[in-house]
Amino acid sequence: MQIHKELDTRGLNCPLPILKAKKALADMVSGEVLKVVSTDPGSLRDFQAFSRQTGNELLEQSQGAGEFVHVLKRR
């Protein structure tokens, strides 16, 4: 999978990872892929809800070593 932009939101808590992702996606074109790395455990459900509400596709979520990775495709 080709990642077009990566966003490091480690150390930030809700709603900052979502707000930064929203801003990054606004600067991308349809079909591009954004990877967001977070340390906020709540980001798992936050990005699921964000995807449903905005129509941006949540391609993948993973976690390990205290980090949560979210991969979104711009609608």
Protein backbone atom coordinates (compact mmCIF):
# COMPACT_ATOMS: atom_id res chain seq x y z
CA MET A 1 0.00 0.00 0.00
CA GLN A 2 1.37 3.39 -0.96
CA ILE A 3 1.27 6.01 1.80
CA HIS A 4 1.09 9.56 0.42
CA LYS A 5 1.36 11.40 3.73
CA GLU A 6 2.26 10.40 7.29
CA LEU A 7 1.14 12.24 10.40
CA ASP A 8 2.79 11.86 13.82
CA THR A 9 0.31 12.65 16.60
CA ARG A 10 2.19 10.85 19.39
CA GLY A 11 1.57 12.48 22.76
CA LEU A 12 -1.61 14.22 21.63
CA ASN A 13 -5.01 13.31 23.04
CA CYS A 14 -8.51 13.53 21.60
CA PRO A 15 -9.55 15.51 19.65
CA LEU A 16 -6.15 16.66 18.34
CA PRO A 17 -5.24 13.53 16.30
CA ILE A 18 -8.61 13.74 14.51
CA LEU A 19 -8.31 17.49 13.91
CA LYS A 20 -4.80 17.12 12.48
CA ALA A 21 -5.93 14.22 10.28
CA LYS A 22 -8.90 16.25 9.04
CA LYS A 23 -6.59 19.13 8.09
CA ALA A 24 -4.12 16.79 6.36
CA LEU A 25 -6.88 15.06 4.39
CA ALA A 26 -8.22 18.44 3.23
CA ASP A 27 -4.85 19.09 1.54
CA MET A 28 -4.85 15.71 -0.24
CA VAL A 29 -6.57 14.60 -3.44
CA SER A 30 -9.18 11.87 -3.72
CA GLY A 31 -7.70 8.38 -3.46
CA GLU A 32 -4.53 9.40 -1.60
CA VAL A 33 -3.65 7.54 1.60
CA LEU A 34 -2.87 9.08 4.99
CA LYS A 35 -1.12 7.20 7.82
CA VAL A 36 -1.64 8.54 11.35
CA VAL A 37 0.46 7.34 14.30
CA SER A 38 -1.00 8.05 17.75
CA THR A 39 -0.44 7.12 21.39
CA ASP A 40 -4.04 7.82 22.44
CA PRO A 41 -5.92 4.52 23.03
CA GLY A 42 -9.20 6.32 22.34
CA SER A 43 -8.02 7.05 18.81
CA LEU A 44 -9.11 3.56 17.71
CA ARG A 45 -12.80 4.33 18.15
CA ASP A 46 -12.33 8.01 17.27
CA PHE A 47 -10.96 7.20 13.80
CA GLN A 48 -13.72 4.62 13.21
CA ALA A 49 -16.35 7.28 13.96
CA PHE A 50 -14.45 9.90 11.92
CA SER A 51 -14.40 7.56 8.92
CA ARG A 52 -18.14 6.89 9.14
CA GLN A 53 -18.98 10.59 9.51
CA THR A 54 -16.72 11.94 6.76
CA GLY A 55 -16.81 9.17 4.16
CA ASN A 56 -13.03 8.79 4.18
CA GLU A 57 -12.28 5.05 4.08
CA LEU A 58 -10.50 3.53 7.09
CA LEU A 59 -8.25 1.01 5.38
CA GLU A 60 -6.39 -0.33 8.39
CA GLN A 61 -5.89 0.02 12.13
CA SER A 62 -3.18 -1.64 14.19
CA GLN A 63 -1.58 -1.30 17.58
CA GLY A 64 1.66 -2.29 19.23
CA ALA A 65 4.26 -0.94 21.66
CA GLY A 66 1.82 1.69 22.94
CA GLU A 67 1.21 3.12 19.48
CA PHE A 68 -1.89 3.06 17.33
CA VAL A 69 -1.68 3.30 13.55
CA HIS A 70 -4.61 4.40 11.40
CA VAL A 71 -4.56 4.35 7.59
CA LEU A 72 -7.22 6.40 5.82
CA LYS A 73 -8.03 6.84 2.14
CA ARG A 74 -9.23 10.28 1.07
CA ARG A 75 -12.74 10.21 -0.38
